[in-house]
Amino acid sequence: MIGYTTYVDRFGGTLPGVAARVPYLQALGVRYLHLL
């Protein structure tokens, strides 16, 4: 369980933009995403 904390707009611009970056989070090893 590795966490990652970020803002939607600063990370992906929008919620769909965050969804598009899920493979990046998976490759990093993230299993807990805190979206501010």
Full PDB file with SEQRES, HELIX, SHEET, SSBOND, CRYST1, ORIGX, SCALE, CONECT and MASTER records, all heavy atoms in Angstrom:
SEQRES   1 A   36  MET ILE GLY TYR THR THR TYR VAL ASP ARG PHE GLY GLY          
SEQRES   2 A   36  THR LEU PRO GLY VAL ALA ALA ARG VAL PRO TYR LEU GLN          
SEQRES   3 A   36  ALA LEU GLY VAL ARG TYR LEU HIS LEU LEU                      
HELIX    1 AA1 VAL A    8  PHE A   11  1                                   4    
HELIX    2 AA2 LEU A   15  ALA A   20  1                                   6    
HELIX    3 AA3 VAL A   22  LEU A   28  1                                   7    
SHEET    1 AA1 2 GLY A   3  THR A   6  0                                        
SHEET    2 AA1 2 TYR A  32  LEU A  35  1                                        
CRYST1    1.000    1.000    1.000  90.00  90.00  90.00 P 1           1          
ORIGX1      1.000000  0.000000  0.000000        0.00000                         
ORIGX2      0.000000  1.000000  0.000000        0.00000                         
ORIGX3      0.000000  0.000000  1.000000        0.00000                         
SCALE1      1.000000  0.000000  0.000000        0.00000                         
SCALE2      0.000000  1.000000  0.000000        0.00000                         
SCALE3      0.000000  0.000000  1.000000        0.00000                         
ATOM      1  N   MET A   1       0.847  -1.194   0.000  1.00  0.00           N  
ATOM      2  CA  MET A   1       0.000   0.000   0.000  1.00  0.00           C  
ATOM      3  C   MET A   1       0.883   1.246   0.000  1.00  0.00           C  
ATOM      4  O   MET A   1       1.489   1.595   1.016  1.00  0.00           O  
ATOM      5  CB  MET A   1      -0.924  -0.003   1.214  1.00  0.00           C  
ATOM      6  CG  MET A   1      -2.047  -1.012   1.127  1.00  0.00           C  
ATOM      7  SD  MET A   1      -3.157  -0.770  -0.295  1.00  0.00           S  
ATOM      8  CE  MET A   1      -3.920   0.798   0.115  1.00  0.00           C  
ATOM      9  N   ILE A   2       0.981   1.868  -1.139  1.00  0.00           N  
ATOM     10  CA  ILE A   2       1.746   3.102  -1.318  1.00  0.00           C  
ATOM     11  C   ILE A   2       0.760   4.197  -1.700  1.00  0.00           C  
ATOM     12  O   ILE A   2      -0.075   4.015  -2.595  1.00  0.00           O  
ATOM     13  CB  ILE A   2       2.815   2.956  -2.424  1.00  0.00           C  
ATOM     14  CG1 ILE A   2       3.741   1.771  -2.118  1.00  0.00           C  
ATOM     15  CG2 ILE A   2       3.602   4.249  -2.590  1.00  0.00           C  
ATOM     16  CD1 ILE A   2       4.574   1.935  -0.863  1.00  0.00           C  
ATOM     17  N   GLY A   3       0.839   5.329  -1.012  1.00  0.00           N  
ATOM     18  CA  GLY A   3      -0.078   6.419  -1.262  1.00  0.00           C  
ATOM     19  C   GLY A   3       0.513   7.492  -2.159  1.00  0.00           C  
ATOM     20  O   GLY A   3       1.735   7.590  -2.336  1.00  0.00           O  
ATOM     21  N   TYR A   4      -0.364   8.303  -2.718  1.00  0.00           N  
ATOM     22  CA  TYR A   4       0.033   9.434  -3.559  1.00  0.00           C  
ATOM     23  C   TYR A   4      -1.008  10.523  -3.348  1.00  0.00           C  
ATOM     24  O   TYR A   4      -2.217  10.259  -3.378  1.00  0.00           O  
ATOM     25  CB  TYR A   4       0.078   9.017  -5.027  1.00  0.00           C  
ATOM     26  CG  TYR A   4       0.767   9.987  -5.957  1.00  0.00           C  
ATOM     27  CD1 TYR A   4       2.123   9.858  -6.244  1.00  0.00           C  
ATOM     28  CD2 TYR A   4       0.063  11.028  -6.570  1.00  0.00           C  
ATOM     29  CE1 TYR A   4       2.763  10.740  -7.114  1.00  0.00           C  
ATOM     30  CE2 TYR A   4       0.687  11.908  -7.442  1.00  0.00           C  
ATOM     31  CZ  TYR A   4       2.039  11.762  -7.710  1.00  0.00           C  
ATOM     32  OH  TYR A   4       2.672  12.636  -8.563  1.00  0.00           O  
ATOM     33  N   THR A   5      -0.546  11.748  -3.125  1.00  0.00           N  
ATOM     34  CA  THR A   5      -1.429  12.878  -2.834  1.00  0.00           C  
ATOM     35  C   THR A   5      -1.250  13.958  -3.889  1.00  0.00           C  
ATOM     36  O   THR A   5      -0.112  14.372  -4.169  1.00  0.00           O  
ATOM     37  CB  THR A   5      -1.124  13.456  -1.445  1.00  0.00           C  
ATOM     38  OG1 THR A   5      -1.261  12.433  -0.458  1.00  0.00           O  
ATOM     39  CG2 THR A   5      -2.064  14.607  -1.118  1.00  0.00           C  
ATOM     40  N   THR A   6      -2.359  14.438  -4.458  1.00  0.00           N  
ATOM     41  CA  THR A   6      -2.257  15.457  -5.488  1.00  0.00           C  
ATOM     42  C   THR A   6      -3.588  16.178  -5.646  1.00  0.00           C  
ATOM     43  O   THR A   6      -4.610  15.767  -5.104  1.00  0.00           O  
ATOM     44  CB  THR A   6      -1.839  14.832  -6.838  1.00  0.00           C  
ATOM     45  OG1 THR A   6      -1.573  15.855  -7.784  1.00  0.00           O  
ATOM     46  CG2 THR A   6      -2.920  13.910  -7.379  1.00  0.00           C  
ATOM     47  N   TYR A   7      -3.554  17.270  -6.382  1.00  0.00           N  
ATOM     48  CA  TYR A   7      -4.762  17.988  -6.797  1.00  0.00           C  
ATOM     49  C   TYR A   7      -5.176  17.518  -8.193  1.00  0.00           C  
ATOM     50  O   TYR A   7      -4.315  17.238  -9.044  1.00  0.00           O  
ATOM     51  CB  TYR A   7      -4.512  19.493  -6.843  1.00  0.00           C  
ATOM     52  CG  TYR A   7      -4.464  20.177  -5.505  1.00  0.00           C  
ATOM     53  CD1 TYR A   7      -3.267  20.319  -4.819  1.00  0.00           C  
ATOM     54  CD2 TYR A   7      -5.617  20.692  -4.923  1.00  0.00           C  
ATOM     55  CE1 TYR A   7      -3.220  20.962  -3.586  1.00  0.00           C  
ATOM     56  CE2 TYR A   7      -5.589  21.327  -3.696  1.00  0.00           C  
ATOM     57  CZ  TYR A   7      -4.378  21.465  -3.032  1.00  0.00           C  
ATOM     58  OH  TYR A   7      -4.351  22.090  -1.813  1.00  0.00           O  
ATOM     59  N   VAL A   8      -6.466  17.481  -8.424  1.00  0.00           N  
ATOM     60  CA  VAL A   8      -6.961  17.070  -9.736  1.00  0.00           C  
ATOM     61  C   VAL A   8      -6.403  17.973 -10.822  1.00  0.00           C  
ATOM     62  O   VAL A   8      -5.846  17.508 -11.830  1.00  0.00           O  
ATOM     63  CB  VAL A   8      -8.506  17.092  -9.770  1.00  0.00           C  
ATOM     64  CG1 VAL A   8      -9.017  16.889 -11.200  1.00  0.00           C  
ATOM     65  CG2 VAL A   8      -9.078  16.028  -8.842  1.00  0.00           C  
ATOM     66  N   ASP A   9      -6.550  19.298 -10.642  1.00  0.00           N  
ATOM     67  CA  ASP A   9      -6.149  20.208 -11.714  1.00  0.00           C  
ATOM     68  C   ASP A   9      -4.645  20.254 -11.898  1.00  0.00           C  
ATOM     69  O   ASP A   9      -4.159  20.397 -13.019  1.00  0.00           O  
ATOM     70  CB  ASP A   9      -6.706  21.611 -11.473  1.00  0.00           C  
ATOM     71  CG  ASP A   9      -6.238  22.222 -10.163  1.00  0.00           C  
ATOM     72  OD1 ASP A   9      -5.905  21.469  -9.223  1.00  0.00           O  
ATOM     73  OD2 ASP A   9      -6.220  23.467 -10.064  1.00  0.00           O  
ATOM     74  N   ARG A  10      -3.873  20.090 -10.817  1.00  0.00           N  
ATOM     75  CA  ARG A  10      -2.417  20.164 -10.936  1.00  0.00           C  
ATOM     76  C   ARG A  10      -1.838  18.875 -11.523  1.00  0.00           C  
ATOM     77  O   ARG A  10      -0.746  18.870 -12.074  1.00  0.00           O  
ATOM     78  CB  ARG A  10      -1.764  20.429  -9.574  1.00  0.00           C  
ATOM     79  CG  ARG A  10      -2.386  21.533  -8.755  1.00  0.00           C  
ATOM     80  CD  ARG A  10      -2.547  22.841  -9.517  1.00  0.00           C  
ATOM     81  NE  ARG A  10      -1.305  23.588  -9.620  1.00  0.00           N  
ATOM     82  CZ  ARG A  10      -1.129  24.640 -10.392  1.00  0.00           C  
ATOM     83  NH1 ARG A  10      -2.132  25.072 -11.140  1.00  0.00           N  
ATOM     84  NH2 ARG A  10       0.027  25.273 -10.419  1.00  0.00           N  
ATOM     85  N   PHE A  11      -2.568  17.770 -11.395  1.00  0.00           N  
ATOM     86  CA  PHE A  11      -2.069  16.461 -11.838  1.00  0.00           C  
ATOM     87  C   PHE A  11      -2.594  16.087 -13.216  1.00  0.00           C  
ATOM     88  O   PHE A  11      -1.824  15.711 -14.099  1.00  0.00           O  
ATOM     89  CB  PHE A  11      -2.483  15.399 -10.817  1.00  0.00           C  
ATOM     90  CG  PHE A  11      -1.926  14.020 -11.084  1.00  0.00           C  
ATOM     91  CD1 PHE A  11      -0.604  13.730 -10.799  1.00  0.00           C  
ATOM     92  CD2 PHE A  11      -2.736  13.018 -11.596  1.00  0.00           C  
ATOM     93  CE1 PHE A  11      -0.092  12.451 -11.034  1.00  0.00           C  
ATOM     94  CE2 PHE A  11      -2.242  11.742 -11.827  1.00  0.00           C  
ATOM     95  CZ  PHE A  11      -0.913  11.457 -11.543  1.00  0.00           C  
ATOM     96  N   GLY A  12      -3.916  16.179 -13.386  1.00  0.00           N  
ATOM     97  CA  GLY A  12      -4.496  15.735 -14.648  1.00  0.00           C  
ATOM     98  C   GLY A  12      -5.363  16.761 -15.341  1.00  0.00           C  
ATOM     99  O   GLY A  12      -5.932  16.480 -16.398  1.00  0.00           O  
ATOM    100  N   GLY A  13      -5.510  17.945 -14.726  1.00  0.00           N  
ATOM    101  CA  GLY A  13      -6.351  18.985 -15.305  1.00  0.00           C  
ATOM    102  C   GLY A  13      -7.809  18.813 -14.934  1.00  0.00           C  
ATOM    103  O   GLY A  13      -8.444  19.735 -14.419  1.00  0.00           O  
ATOM    104  N   THR A  14      -8.345  17.627 -15.190  1.00  0.00           N  
ATOM    105  CA  THR A  14      -9.733  17.291 -14.893  1.00  0.00           C  
ATOM    106  C   THR A  14      -9.777  15.858 -14.372  1.00  0.00           C  
ATOM    107  O   THR A  14      -8.776  15.130 -14.409  1.00  0.00           O  
ATOM    108  CB  THR A  14     -10.606  17.390 -16.151  1.00  0.00           C  
ATOM    109  OG1 THR A  14     -10.108  16.444 -17.113  1.00  0.00           O  
ATOM    110  CG2 THR A  14     -10.574  18.799 -16.741  1.00  0.00           C  
ATOM    111  N   LEU A  15     -10.960  15.427 -13.930  1.00  0.00           N  
ATOM    112  CA  LEU A  15     -11.104  14.038 -13.497  1.00  0.00           C  
ATOM    113  C   LEU A  15     -10.813  13.056 -14.638  1.00  0.00           C  
ATOM    114  O   LEU A  15     -10.116  12.053 -14.416  1.00  0.00           O  
ATOM    115  CB  LEU A  15     -12.495  13.810 -12.911  1.00  0.00           C  
ATOM    116  CG  LEU A  15     -12.767  14.510 -11.570  1.00  0.00           C  
ATOM    117  CD1 LEU A  15     -14.233  14.346 -11.177  1.00  0.00           C  
ATOM    118  CD2 LEU A  15     -11.863  13.966 -10.470  1.00  0.00           C  
ATOM    119  N   PRO A  16     -11.291  13.291 -15.859  1.00  0.00           N  
ATOM    120  CA  PRO A  16     -10.884  12.395 -16.951  1.00  0.00           C  
ATOM    121  C   PRO A  16      -9.374  12.418 -17.185  1.00  0.00           C  
ATOM    122  O   PRO A  16      -8.783  11.390 -17.550  1.00  0.00           O  
ATOM    123  CB  PRO A  16     -11.642  12.949 -18.165  1.00  0.00           C  
ATOM    124  CG  PRO A  16     -12.851  13.603 -17.576  1.00  0.00           C  
ATOM    125  CD  PRO A  16     -12.374  14.205 -16.287  1.00  0.00           C  
ATOM    126  N   GLY A  17      -8.756  13.587 -16.964  1.00  0.00           N  
ATOM    127  CA  GLY A  17      -7.309  13.655 -17.106  1.00  0.00           C  
ATOM    128  C   GLY A  17      -6.596  12.807 -16.072  1.00  0.00           C  
ATOM    129  O   GLY A  17      -5.560  12.183 -16.363  1.00  0.00           O  
ATOM    130  N   VAL A  18      -7.122  12.774 -14.848  1.00  0.00           N  
ATOM    131  CA  VAL A  18      -6.554  11.889 -13.818  1.00  0.00           C  
ATOM    132  C   VAL A  18      -6.739  10.439 -14.228  1.00  0.00           C  
ATOM    133  O   VAL A  18      -5.819   9.611 -14.094  1.00  0.00           O  
ATOM    134  CB  VAL A  18      -7.217  12.156 -12.451  1.00  0.00           C  
ATOM    135  CG1 VAL A  18      -6.752  11.130 -11.423  1.00  0.00           C  
ATOM    136  CG2 VAL A  18      -6.904  13.567 -11.970  1.00  0.00           C  
ATOM    137  N   ALA A  19      -7.928  10.098 -14.733  1.00  0.00           N  
ATOM    138  CA  ALA A  19      -8.186   8.722 -15.159  1.00  0.00           C  
ATOM    139  C   ALA A  19      -7.190   8.277 -16.223  1.00  0.00           C  
ATOM    140  O   ALA A  19      -6.740   7.125 -16.235  1.00  0.00           O  
ATOM    141  CB  ALA A  19      -9.617   8.599 -15.679  1.00  0.00           C  
ATOM    142  N   ALA A  20      -6.817   9.188 -17.106  1.00  0.00           N  
ATOM    143  CA  ALA A  20      -5.868   8.844 -18.165  1.00  0.00           C  
ATOM    144  C   ALA A  20      -4.480   8.550 -17.616  1.00  0.00           C  
ATOM    145  O   ALA A  20      -3.668   7.891 -18.289  1.00  0.00           O  
ATOM    146  CB  ALA A  20      -5.796   9.986 -19.183  1.00  0.00           C  
ATOM    147  N   ARG A  21      -4.211   9.026 -16.392  1.00  0.00           N  
ATOM    148  CA  ARG A  21      -2.894   8.829 -15.799  1.00  0.00           C  
ATOM    149  C   ARG A  21      -2.855   7.661 -14.800  1.00  0.00           C  
ATOM    150  O   ARG A  21      -1.860   7.476 -14.100  1.00  0.00           O  
ATOM    151  CB  ARG A  21      -2.451  10.123 -15.104  1.00  0.00           C  
ATOM    152  CG  ARG A  21      -2.131  11.257 -16.080  1.00  0.00           C  
ATOM    153  CD  ARG A  21      -0.923  10.912 -16.935  1.00  0.00           C  
ATOM    154  NE  ARG A  21      -0.610  11.951 -17.922  1.00  0.00           N  
ATOM    155  CZ  ARG A  21       0.445  11.899 -18.729  1.00  0.00           C  
ATOM    156  NH1 ARG A  21       1.269  10.862 -18.659  1.00  0.00           N  
ATOM    157  NH2 ARG A  21       0.671  12.864 -19.600  1.00  0.00           N  
ATOM    158  N   VAL A  22      -3.916   6.877 -14.748  1.00  0.00           N  
ATOM    159  CA  VAL A  22      -3.915   5.716 -13.854  1.00  0.00           C  
ATOM    160  C   VAL A  22      -2.762   4.759 -14.173  1.00  0.00           C  
ATOM    161  O   VAL A  22      -2.114   4.241 -13.248  1.00  0.00           O  
ATOM    162  CB  VAL A  22      -5.280   5.003 -13.899  1.00  0.00           C  
ATOM    163  CG1 VAL A  22      -5.213   3.634 -13.222  1.00  0.00           C  
ATOM    164  CG2 VAL A  22      -6.337   5.876 -13.218  1.00  0.00           C  
ATOM    165  N   PRO A  23      -2.423   4.477 -15.442  1.00  0.00           N  
ATOM    166  CA  PRO A  23      -1.269   3.608 -15.704  1.00  0.00           C  
ATOM    167  C   PRO A  23       0.040   4.143 -15.106  1.00  0.00           C  
ATOM    168  O   PRO A  23       0.886   3.350 -14.662  1.00  0.00           O  
ATOM    169  CB  PRO A  23      -1.206   3.559 -17.237  1.00  0.00           C  
ATOM    170  CG  PRO A  23      -2.613   3.803 -17.674  1.00  0.00           C  
ATOM    171  CD  PRO A  23      -3.158   4.796 -16.695  1.00  0.00           C  
ATOM    172  N   TYR A  24       0.205   5.449 -15.102  1.00  0.00           N  
ATOM    173  CA  TYR A  24       1.399   6.035 -14.477  1.00  0.00           C  
ATOM    174  C   TYR A  24       1.433   5.709 -12.990  1.00  0.00           C  
ATOM    175  O   TYR A  24       2.472   5.309 -12.444  1.00  0.00           O  
ATOM    176  CB  TYR A  24       1.397   7.551 -14.694  1.00  0.00           C  
ATOM    177  CG  TYR A  24       2.494   8.294 -13.960  1.00  0.00           C  
ATOM    178  CD1 TYR A  24       3.763   8.420 -14.519  1.00  0.00           C  
ATOM    179  CD2 TYR A  24       2.263   8.860 -12.714  1.00  0.00           C  
ATOM    180  CE1 TYR A  24       4.774   9.094 -13.841  1.00  0.00           C  
ATOM    181  CE2 TYR A  24       3.261   9.537 -12.029  1.00  0.00           C  
ATOM    182  CZ  TYR A  24       4.522   9.653 -12.597  1.00  0.00           C  
ATOM    183  OH  TYR A  24       5.521  10.310 -11.925  1.00  0.00           O  
ATOM    184  N   LEU A  25       0.295   5.870 -12.314  1.00  0.00           N  
ATOM    185  CA  LEU A  25       0.232   5.585 -10.883  1.00  0.00           C  
ATOM    186  C   LEU A  25       0.474   4.106 -10.617  1.00  0.00           C  
ATOM    187  O   LEU A  25       1.179   3.737  -9.666  1.00  0.00           O  
ATOM    188  CB  LEU A  25      -1.125   6.015 -10.334  1.00  0.00           C  
ATOM    189  CG  LEU A  25      -1.419   7.515 -10.383  1.00  0.00           C  
ATOM    190  CD1 LEU A  25      -2.885   7.787 -10.043  1.00  0.00           C  
ATOM    191  CD2 LEU A  25      -0.499   8.280  -9.429  1.00  0.00           C  
ATOM    192  N   GLN A  26      -0.098   3.241 -11.456  1.00  0.00           N  
ATOM    193  CA  GLN A  26       0.136   1.806 -11.290  1.00  0.00           C  
ATOM    194  C   GLN A  26       1.605   1.467 -11.422  1.00  0.00           C  
ATOM    195  O   GLN A  26       2.150   0.688 -10.621  1.00  0.00           O  
ATOM    196  CB  GLN A  26      -0.665   1.020 -12.335  1.00  0.00           C  
ATOM    197  CG  GLN A  26      -2.152   0.937 -12.079  1.00  0.00           C  
ATOM    198  CD  GLN A  26      -2.840   0.108 -13.142  1.00  0.00           C  
ATOM    199  OE1 GLN A  26      -2.991   0.554 -14.287  1.00  0.00           O  
ATOM    200  NE2 GLN A  26      -3.253  -1.100 -12.780  1.00  0.00           N  
ATOM    201  N   ALA A  27       2.267   2.031 -12.420  1.00  0.00           N  
ATOM    202  CA  ALA A  27       3.686   1.741 -12.623  1.00  0.00           C  
ATOM    203  C   ALA A  27       4.532   2.244 -11.463  1.00  0.00           C  
ATOM    204  O   ALA A  27       5.566   1.643 -11.136  1.00  0.00           O  
ATOM    205  CB  ALA A  27       4.154   2.367 -13.942  1.00  0.00           C  
ATOM    206  N   LEU A  28       4.098   3.314 -10.840  1.00  0.00           N  
ATOM    207  CA  LEU A  28       4.823   3.849  -9.690  1.00  0.00           C  
ATOM    208  C   LEU A  28       4.631   2.977  -8.458  1.00  0.00           C  
ATOM    209  O   LEU A  28       5.429   3.033  -7.527  1.00  0.00           O  
ATOM    210  CB  LEU A  28       4.341   5.280  -9.424  1.00  0.00           C  
ATOM    211  CG  LEU A  28       5.071   6.114  -8.373  1.00  0.00           C  
ATOM    212  CD1 LEU A  28       6.561   6.249  -8.694  1.00  0.00           C  
ATOM    213  CD2 LEU A  28       4.428   7.492  -8.271  1.00  0.00           C  
ATOM    214  N   GLY A  29       3.576   2.177  -8.439  1.00  0.00           N  
ATOM    215  CA  GLY A  29       3.300   1.318  -7.294  1.00  0.00           C  
ATOM    216  C   GLY A  29       2.214   1.842  -6.384  1.00  0.00           C  
ATOM    217  O   GLY A  29       2.029   1.344  -5.271  1.00  0.00           O  
ATOM    218  N   VAL A  30       1.457   2.847  -6.831  1.00  0.00           N  
ATOM    219  CA  VAL A  30       0.445   3.501  -5.995  1.00  0.00           C  
ATOM    220  C   VAL A  30      -0.790   2.610  -5.871  1.00  0.00           C  
ATOM    221  O   VAL A  30      -1.276   2.058  -6.857  1.00  0.00           O  
ATOM    222  CB  VAL A  30       0.057   4.870  -6.598  1.00  0.00           C  
ATOM    223  CG1 VAL A  30      -1.138   5.480  -5.873  1.00  0.00           C  
ATOM    224  CG2 VAL A  30       1.258   5.810  -6.546  1.00  0.00           C  
ATOM    225  N   ARG A  31      -1.299   2.515  -4.635  1.00  0.00           N  
ATOM    226  CA  ARG A  31      -2.550   1.790  -4.395  1.00  0.00           C  
ATOM    227  C   ARG A  31      -3.529   2.607  -3.555  1.00  0.00           C  
ATOM    228  O   ARG A  31      -4.585   2.097  -3.174  1.00  0.00           O  
ATOM    229  CB  ARG A  31      -2.266   0.445  -3.710  1.00  0.00           C  
ATOM    230  CG  ARG A  31      -1.547  -0.561  -4.608  1.00  0.00           C  
ATOM    231  CD  ARG A  31      -1.788  -1.980  -4.152  1.00  0.00           C  
ATOM    232  NE  ARG A  31      -3.211  -2.262  -4.059  1.00  0.00           N  
ATOM    233  CZ  ARG A  31      -3.737  -3.043  -3.105  1.00  0.00           C  
ATOM    234  NH1 ARG A  31      -2.965  -3.592  -2.180  1.00  0.00           N  
ATOM    235  NH2 ARG A  31      -5.045  -3.273  -3.076  1.00  0.00           N  
ATOM    236  N   TYR A  32      -3.175   3.838  -3.263  1.00  0.00           N  
ATOM    237  CA  TYR A  32      -4.029   4.714  -2.444  1.00  0.00           C  
ATOM    238  C   TYR A  32      -3.814   6.124  -2.969  1.00  0.00           C  
ATOM    239  O   TYR A  32      -2.713   6.671  -2.875  1.00  0.00           O  
ATOM    240  CB  TYR A  32      -3.594   4.599  -0.977  1.00  0.00           C  
ATOM    241  CG  TYR A  32      -4.257   5.540  -0.001  1.00  0.00           C  
ATOM    242  CD1 TYR A  32      -5.360   5.129   0.752  1.00  0.00           C  
ATOM    243  CD2 TYR A  32      -3.766   6.828   0.218  1.00  0.00           C  
ATOM    244  CE1 TYR A  32      -5.944   5.985   1.687  1.00  0.00           C  
ATOM    245  CE2 TYR A  32      -4.343   7.683   1.139  1.00  0.00           C  
ATOM    246  CZ  TYR A  32      -5.429   7.258   1.872  1.00  0.00           C  
ATOM    247  OH  TYR A  32      -6.006   8.102   2.795  1.00  0.00           O  
ATOM    248  N   LEU A  33      -4.847   6.682  -3.588  1.00  0.00           N  
ATOM    249  CA  LEU A  33      -4.728   7.999  -4.221  1.00  0.00           C  
ATOM    250  C   LEU A  33      -5.601   8.994  -3.480  1.00  0.00           C  
ATOM    251  O   LEU A  33      -6.831   8.869  -3.454  1.00  0.00           O  
ATOM    252  CB  LEU A  33      -5.169   7.921  -5.687  1.00  0.00           C  
ATOM    253  CG  LEU A  33      -5.219   9.250  -6.446  1.00  0.00           C  
ATOM    254  CD1 LEU A  33      -3.835   9.871  -6.545  1.00  0.00           C  
ATOM    255  CD2 LEU A  33      -5.835   9.046  -7.832  1.00  0.00           C  
ATOM    256  N   HIS A  34      -4.969   9.985  -2.876  1.00  0.00           N  
ATOM    257  CA  HIS A  34      -5.712  11.067  -2.226  1.00  0.00           C  
ATOM    258  C   HIS A  34      -5.781  12.236  -3.195  1.00  0.00           C  
ATOM    259  O   HIS A  34      -4.778  12.911  -3.456  1.00  0.00           O  
ATOM    260  CB  HIS A  34      -5.016  11.484  -0.933  1.00  0.00           C  
ATOM    261  CG  HIS A  34      -5.675  12.661  -0.260  1.00  0.00           C  
ATOM    262  ND1 HIS A  34      -5.060  13.375   0.746  1.00  0.00           N  
ATOM    263  CD2 HIS A  34      -6.878  13.264  -0.447  1.00  0.00           C  
ATOM    264  CE1 HIS A  34      -5.861  14.348   1.148  1.00  0.00           C  
ATOM    265  NE2 HIS A  34      -6.972  14.299   0.429  1.00  0.00           N  
ATOM    266  N   LEU A  35      -6.976  12.458  -3.736  1.00  0.00           N  
ATOM    267  CA  LEU A  35      -7.214  13.635  -4.564  1.00  0.00           C  
ATOM    268  C   LEU A  35      -7.754  14.737  -3.670  1.00  0.00           C  
ATOM    269  O   LEU A  35      -8.838  14.600  -3.070  1.00  0.00           O  
ATOM    270  CB  LEU A  35      -8.213  13.326  -5.676  1.00  0.00           C  
ATOM    271  CG  LEU A  35      -7.721  12.426  -6.808  1.00  0.00           C  
ATOM    272  CD1 LEU A  35      -8.833  12.210  -7.826  1.00  0.00           C  
ATOM    273  CD2 LEU A  35      -6.487  13.007  -7.486  1.00  0.00           C  
ATOM    274  N   LEU A  36      -7.025  15.824  -3.576  1.00  0.00           N  
ATOM    275  CA  LEU A  36      -7.439  16.951  -2.749  1.00  0.00           C  
ATOM    276  C   LEU A  36      -8.737  17.542  -3.294  1.00  0.00           C  
ATOM    277  O   LEU A  36      -9.175  17.171  -4.378  1.00  0.00           O  
ATOM    278  CB  LEU A  36      -6.292  17.949  -2.661  1.00  0.00           C  
ATOM    279  CG  LEU A  36      -5.179  17.421  -1.730  1.00  0.00           C  
ATOM    280  CD1 LEU A  36      -3.813  17.939  -2.127  1.00  0.00           C  
ATOM    281  CD2 LEU A  36      -5.481  17.746  -0.279  1.00  0.00           C  
TER     282      LEU A  36                                                      
MASTER        0    0    0    3    2    0    0    6  281    1    0    3          
END                                                                             
